[in-house]
Amino acid sequence: MRIDLHSHSDASDGTRPPSEVVRRARANGVDVLALTDHDTVAGWAEAAAALPDGLTLVPGIELSCRQDGRSLHMLGYLFDPAEPVLAAELARIRDDRIIRARTMVERLRALGADVTWDRVRELARGEAVGRPHIARAMVEAGVVASPDEAFTRDWIAEGGRAHADRYALDPRRAIRLVRAAGGVCVLAHPRTRRGGYVFSDEVIAGLAAAGLAGVEVDHPDQDAAERAALRGLARDLGLAATGSSDDHGALTGDRLGAETTAPDAYAALTAASTGSAPVASGAGAVPPGADAGPPGTVPEAR
């Protein structure tokens, strides 16, 4: 069984619609796929409705958190998104992200960059605006040659001239919110130097004490030494060691299924969840609380 527990659609900052993501996953030999768009569940219903034969969907999310002044990402699985406190936090993230993105566009324009808010919104399908969409608009305007060049201190990297701070959850609170909604949390890519997502054993142990269920070990941006260290730490802390592609469509080379999770780790996560259930192809089920409409929360991949 090939289980990929981290993927993105264009409900956040991926390049493929949720329906295409699930079709591509199955074509790549994936048996179980988690859709974990940034701070939104807007893609769940479309993905569930389009499930090809043989694929099971795990409803999920990637929550933006902040630890010691740095961005930390928390994967949540199999929760009820209609739980009132969690839903309110997602709404707050949505509102703050729009304000933040507009502020960055205004700062870019003050620096002479011919980037417009209308174009950024078009690239982001309306309200789902994140820094990757701003970076793409900067490329189109000739400000930078590639999106990566936008993520420097000259432009929109943290501390950059056009950067604006954002609201983000404390990771311990994120764990409590997801658990209260019947779900489980896995720490995403905790040793990826690209983007600065590098957290110590002590930080991970503290999150485990707060109720963390797993840690993402096998990730394309974590090398063999980092994976071995994380696997040992997960074993010592009693955490599930997961693996996943963190696919963003064309942005990451359409790599669904590039890394996978062992069946026993997947079983441990599903056994601890009560908020929603995996959706099997042909079941005709829609995850509880899923919204089939346009994305209603705002992603932030970086």
Protein backbone atom coordinates (compact mmCIF):
# COMPACT_ATOMS: atom_id res chain seq x y z
CA MET A 1 0.00 0.00 0.00
CA ARG A 2 1.37 3.40 -1.03
CA ILE A 3 0.24 6.16 1.35
CA ASP A 4 1.05 9.84 0.70
CA LEU A 5 -0.03 12.05 3.62
CA HIS A 6 0.82 15.56 2.39
CA SER A 7 -0.36 17.20 -0.85
CA HIS A 8 -1.74 20.50 -2.11
CA SER A 9 -4.28 21.63 -4.69
CA ASP A 10 -5.13 25.01 -6.14
CA ALA A 11 -7.48 25.51 -3.20
CA SER A 12 -4.24 26.84 -1.69
CA ASP A 13 -0.88 27.09 -3.45
CA GLY A 14 -0.82 23.96 -5.60
CA THR A 15 -1.28 24.25 -9.36
CA ARG A 16 -3.87 21.48 -9.92
CA PRO A 17 -7.58 21.39 -8.98
CA PRO A 18 -8.43 18.88 -6.23
CA SER A 19 -10.14 16.60 -8.76
CA GLU A 20 -6.97 16.45 -10.84
CA VAL A 21 -4.78 15.92 -7.79
CA VAL A 22 -6.62 12.72 -6.84
CA ARG A 23 -6.59 11.45 -10.43
CA ARG A 24 -2.85 12.07 -10.73
CA ALA A 25 -2.23 10.41 -7.38
CA ARG A 26 -3.93 7.22 -8.50
CA ALA A 27 -2.12 7.30 -11.84
CA ASN A 28 1.13 7.46 -9.85
CA GLY A 29 0.20 4.32 -7.94
CA VAL A 30 -0.93 6.00 -4.72
CA ASP A 31 -3.54 4.06 -2.71
CA VAL A 32 -4.17 6.60 0.08
CA LEU A 33 -3.77 10.38 -0.32
CA ALA A 34 -4.16 13.17 2.23
CA LEU A 35 -5.20 16.53 0.80
CA THR A 36 -3.62 19.08 3.13
CA ASP A 37 -4.06 22.54 1.67
CA HIS A 38 -2.74 25.47 3.65
CA ASP A 39 -5.26 26.67 6.23
CA THR A 40 -8.30 25.57 4.23
CA VAL A 41 -10.58 22.56 3.74
CA ALA A 42 -12.14 24.05 0.59
CA GLY A 43 -10.80 21.26 -1.64
CA TRP A 44 -12.18 18.31 0.34
CA ALA A 45 -15.58 18.01 -1.35
CA GLU A 46 -14.24 18.23 -4.91
CA ALA A 47 -11.51 15.70 -4.17
CA ALA A 48 -13.99 13.27 -2.57
CA ALA A 49 -16.43 13.58 -5.47
CA ALA A 50 -13.69 12.85 -8.02
CA LEU A 51 -11.98 9.91 -6.30
CA PRO A 52 -10.87 7.33 -8.87
CA ASP A 53 -11.25 3.61 -8.23
CA GLY A 54 -8.75 2.31 -5.72
CA LEU A 55 -7.90 5.61 -4.03
CA THR A 56 -8.81 6.57 -0.46
CA LEU A 57 -8.86 10.26 0.54
CA VAL A 58 -7.69 11.42 3.97
CA PRO A 59 -9.19 14.87 4.66
CA GLY A 60 -6.51 17.12 6.09
CA ILE A 61 -5.00 20.58 6.38
CA GLU A 62 -1.62 22.23 6.84
CA LEU A 63 -1.93 24.83 9.58
CA SER A 64 0.39 27.81 9.73
CA CYS A 65 1.96 28.16 13.17
CA ARG A 66 4.75 30.15 14.75
CA GLN A 67 7.40 28.78 17.10
CA ASP A 68 10.06 31.05 18.63
CA GLY A 69 9.37 33.70 16.00
CA ARG A 70 9.70 31.27 13.08
CA SER A 71 7.15 29.63 10.80
CA LEU A 72 6.19 26.07 11.71
CA HIS A 73 3.69 23.95 9.79
CA MET A 74 1.35 21.46 11.42
CA LEU A 75 -0.52 18.79 9.47
CA GLY A 76 -3.97 18.00 10.81
CA TYR A 77 -5.94 14.92 9.75
CA LEU A 78 -9.46 13.54 10.10
CA PHE A 79 -10.95 16.36 12.18
CA ASP A 80 -14.37 17.99 12.01
CA PRO A 81 -13.83 21.42 10.41
CA ALA A 82 -17.24 22.59 11.65
CA GLU A 83 -16.03 22.51 15.26
CA PRO A 84 -16.73 26.12 16.29
CA VAL A 85 -13.42 27.16 17.84
CA LEU A 86 -11.33 25.68 15.04
CA ALA A 87 -13.64 27.19 12.41
CA ALA A 88 -13.27 30.60 14.04
CA GLU A 89 -9.49 30.35 13.97
CA LEU A 90 -9.51 29.43 10.29
CA ALA A 91 -11.70 32.46 9.60
CA ARG A 92 -9.27 34.69 11.48
CA ILE A 93 -6.36 33.31 9.46
CA ARG A 94 -8.32 33.97 6.26
CA ASP A 95 -9.06 37.57 7.11
CA ASP A 96 -5.52 38.32 8.28
CA ARG A 97 -3.92 36.73 5.22
CA ILE A 98 -5.85 38.97 2.84
CA ILE A 99 -4.79 42.05 4.79
CA ARG A 100 -1.20 40.82 4.83
CA ALA A 101 -1.06 40.10 1.10
CA ARG A 102 -2.50 43.50 0.22
CA THR A 103 0.05 45.16 2.48
CA MET A 104 2.91 43.37 0.73
CA VAL A 105 1.61 44.38 -2.70
CA GLU A 106 1.43 48.01 -1.53
CA ARG A 107 5.00 47.81 -0.23
CA LEU A 108 6.21 46.29 -3.48
CA ARG A 109 4.62 49.09 -5.46
CA ALA A 110 6.26 51.67 -3.18
CA LEU A 111 9.58 50.01 -4.05
CA GLY A 112 8.87 50.42 -7.76
CA ALA A 113 7.62 46.91 -8.52
CA ASP A 114 4.76 46.99 -11.03
CA VAL A 115 2.66 44.36 -9.22
CA THR A 116 -1.09 44.82 -8.95
CA TRP A 117 -3.52 43.44 -6.39
CA ASP A 118 -5.96 42.48 -9.13
CA ARG A 119 -3.37 40.26 -10.81
CA VAL A 120 -2.33 38.63 -7.55
CA ARG A 121 -5.97 37.79 -6.84
CA GLU A 122 -6.38 36.31 -10.32
CA LEU A 123 -3.37 34.07 -9.79
CA ALA A 124 -4.73 32.96 -6.41
CA ARG A 125 -8.31 32.25 -7.53
CA GLY A 126 -9.77 35.07 -5.49
CA GLU A 127 -9.31 34.98 -1.72
CA ALA A 128 -6.69 32.23 -1.50
CA VAL A 129 -3.67 34.55 -1.53
CA GLY A 130 -0.19 33.62 -0.36
CA ARG A 131 3.36 34.76 -0.96
CA PRO A 132 3.85 32.24 -3.82
CA HIS A 133 1.09 34.04 -5.74
CA ILE A 134 2.76 37.40 -5.13
CA ALA A 135 6.06 35.91 -6.30
CA ARG A 136 4.45 34.70 -9.53
CA ALA A 137 3.05 38.19 -10.14
CA MET A 138 6.52 39.61 -9.59
CA VAL A 139 7.91 37.28 -12.26
CA GLU A 140 5.18 38.31 -14.71
CA ALA A 141 5.95 41.98 -14.06
CA GLY A 142 9.66 41.43 -14.71
CA VAL A 143 10.66 42.33 -11.16
CA VAL A 144 12.46 39.01 -10.65
CA ALA A 145 13.44 36.21 -13.01
CA SER A 146 12.03 33.36 -10.89
CA PRO A 147 9.74 32.96 -7.86
CA ASP A 148 12.70 31.94 -5.71
CA GLU A 149 14.30 35.34 -6.32
CA ALA A 150 11.26 36.95 -4.70
CA PHE A 151 11.97 35.11 -1.46
CA THR A 152 14.98 37.21 -0.49
CA ARG A 153 15.44 40.02 1.97
CA ASP A 154 15.30 42.41 -0.97
CA TRP A 155 11.65 41.49 -1.46
CA ILE A 156 9.19 39.22 0.41
CA ALA A 157 11.32 36.89 2.54
CA GLU A 158 10.81 37.18 6.30
CA GLY A 159 12.49 40.45 7.27
CA GLY A 160 12.48 41.59 3.64
CA ARG A 161 11.70 45.10 2.47
CA ALA A 162 8.15 44.24 1.38
CA HIS A 163 7.42 41.53 3.95
CA ALA A 164 4.46 41.85 6.33
CA ASP A 165 3.86 39.78 9.44
CA ARG A 166 0.90 37.43 9.67
CA TYR A 167 -1.29 35.86 12.28
CA ALA A 168 -0.29 32.29 13.05
CA LEU A 169 -1.25 29.78 15.71
CA ASP A 170 0.95 28.66 18.55
CA PRO A 171 1.66 25.04 17.60
CA ARG A 172 0.51 23.71 20.96
CA ARG A 173 -2.79 25.51 20.53
CA ALA A 174 -3.07 24.13 16.99
CA ILE A 175 -2.68 20.61 18.40
CA ARG A 176 -5.35 21.26 21.02
CA LEU A 177 -7.77 22.68 18.44
CA VAL A 178 -7.37 19.74 16.06
CA ARG A 179 -7.65 17.20 18.86
CA ALA A 180 -10.78 18.93 20.19
CA ALA A 181 -12.23 18.53 16.68
CA GLY A 182 -11.48 14.80 16.76
CA GLY A 183 -8.32 14.87 14.65
CA VAL A 184 -4.62 14.19 14.97
CA CYS A 185 -1.55 16.33 14.25
CA VAL A 186 1.76 15.55 12.56
CA LEU A 187 4.65 18.01 12.48
CA ALA A 188 5.44 18.84 8.85
CA HIS A 189 8.99 18.75 7.43
CA PRO A 190 10.80 19.75 10.65
CA ARG A 191 14.31 19.53 9.15
CA THR A 192 13.94 21.29 5.79
CA ARG A 193 16.52 24.02 5.52
CA ARG A 194 14.83 25.54 2.48
CA GLY A 195 12.38 27.94 4.06
CA GLY A 196 14.00 27.65 7.50
CA TYR A 197 11.79 24.86 8.88
CA VAL A 198 14.44 23.39 11.18
CA PHE A 199 13.39 22.55 14.73
CA SER A 200 15.35 20.93 17.52
CA ASP A 201 14.69 17.64 19.28
CA GLU A 202 13.65 19.64 22.33
CA VAL A 203 10.97 21.54 20.41
CA ILE A 204 9.61 18.31 18.93
CA ALA A 205 9.61 16.64 22.36
CA GLY A 206 7.64 19.57 23.75
CA LEU A 207 5.05 19.21 21.00
CA ALA A 208 4.85 15.48 21.66
CA ALA A 209 4.08 16.25 25.30
CA ALA A 210 1.30 18.58 24.08
CA GLY A 211 -0.37 15.79 22.11
CA LEU A 212 1.46 15.63 18.77
CA ALA A 213 0.75 12.27 17.10
CA GLY A 214 3.50 12.08 14.50
CA VAL A 215 6.42 13.66 12.69
CA GLU A 216 7.04 13.84 8.94
CA VAL A 217 10.26 11.90 8.44
CA ASP A 218 10.44 10.93 4.76
CA HIS A 219 10.13 14.21 2.87
CA PRO A 220 11.82 15.13 -0.42
CA ASP A 221 13.68 18.04 1.20
CA GLN A 222 15.09 16.03 4.14
CA ASP A 223 18.31 14.12 3.52
CA ALA A 224 19.18 10.62 4.71
CA ALA A 225 20.93 11.76 7.89
CA GLU A 226 18.05 14.01 8.90
CA ARG A 227 15.55 11.23 8.20
CA ALA A 228 17.49 8.76 10.32
CA ALA A 229 17.69 11.20 13.22
CA LEU A 230 13.98 11.99 13.00
CA ARG A 231 13.04 8.32 12.78
CA GLY A 232 14.96 7.59 15.96
CA LEU A 233 13.42 10.58 17.71
CA ALA A 234 9.92 9.53 16.66
CA ARG A 235 10.55 6.06 18.03
CA ASP A 236 11.83 7.46 21.35
CA LEU A 237 8.84 9.79 21.70
CA GLY A 238 6.23 7.26 20.60
CA LEU A 239 5.27 9.26 17.51
CA ALA A 240 4.16 7.94 14.13
CA ALA A 241 6.88 8.44 11.50
CA THR A 242 5.19 9.54 8.28
CA GLY A 243 6.33 10.06 4.71
CA SER A 244 4.83 12.19 1.97
CA SER A 245 5.50 14.06 -1.24
CA ASP A 246 4.38 17.57 -0.18
CA ASP A 247 3.33 17.88 -3.80
CA HIS A 248 2.33 21.30 -5.15
CA GLY A 249 1.73 20.19 -8.74
CA ALA A 250 3.91 21.79 -11.39
CA LEU A 251 5.73 23.86 -8.74
CA THR A 252 7.31 20.70 -7.31
CA GLY A 253 7.45 18.56 -10.44
CA ASP A 254 4.19 16.66 -9.93
CA ARG A 255 5.76 14.29 -7.43
CA LEU A 256 2.70 12.64 -5.83
CA GLY A 257 3.78 9.37 -4.23
CA ALA A 258 7.48 10.32 -4.23
CA GLU A 259 7.62 9.53 -0.49
CA THR A 260 5.18 7.35 1.43
CA THR A 261 4.00 6.40 4.91
CA ALA A 262 4.19 2.88 6.34
CA PRO A 263 0.78 1.21 6.82
CA ASP A 264 1.29 0.79 10.57
CA ALA A 265 1.93 4.53 11.03
CA TYR A 266 -1.18 5.32 8.99
CA ALA A 267 -3.21 2.87 11.04
CA ALA A 268 -2.06 4.50 14.27
CA LEU A 269 -3.17 7.94 13.06
CA THR A 270 -6.58 6.79 11.85
CA ALA A 271 -7.20 4.82 15.03
CA ALA A 272 -6.67 7.96 17.10
CA SER A 273 -9.11 10.07 15.02
CA THR A 274 -12.84 10.54 15.58
CA GLY A 275 -13.71 13.80 13.79
CA SER A 276 -14.00 12.42 10.26
CA ALA A 277 -13.05 9.26 8.39
CA PRO A 278 -11.06 8.42 5.28
CA VAL A 279 -13.23 8.50 2.16
CA ALA A 280 -13.02 5.46 -0.11
CA SER A 281 -13.65 5.70 -3.84
CA GLY A 282 -17.22 4.89 -4.74
CA ALA A 283 -18.47 5.55 -1.23
CA GLY A 284 -20.33 8.68 -2.29
CA ALA A 285 -19.35 10.34 0.97
CA VAL A 286 -18.34 13.94 1.55
CA PRO A 287 -16.21 14.71 4.62
CA PRO A 288 -18.27 16.44 7.34
CA GLY A 289 -18.08 20.22 7.20
CA ALA A 290 -16.47 20.24 3.75
CA ASP A 291 -17.44 23.18 1.57
CA ALA A 292 -17.81 22.56 -2.15
CA GLY A 293 -17.61 26.28 -2.91
CA PRO A 294 -14.54 28.37 -3.74
CA PRO A 295 -11.63 28.46 -1.28
CA GLY A 296 -12.54 30.37 1.83
CA THR A 297 -9.22 30.53 3.66
CA VAL A 298 -5.85 31.79 2.73
CA PRO A 299 -2.75 29.63 2.16
CA GLU A 300 0.81 30.34 3.04
CA ALA A 301 3.36 27.85 1.81
CA ARG A 302 6.43 29.77 2.76
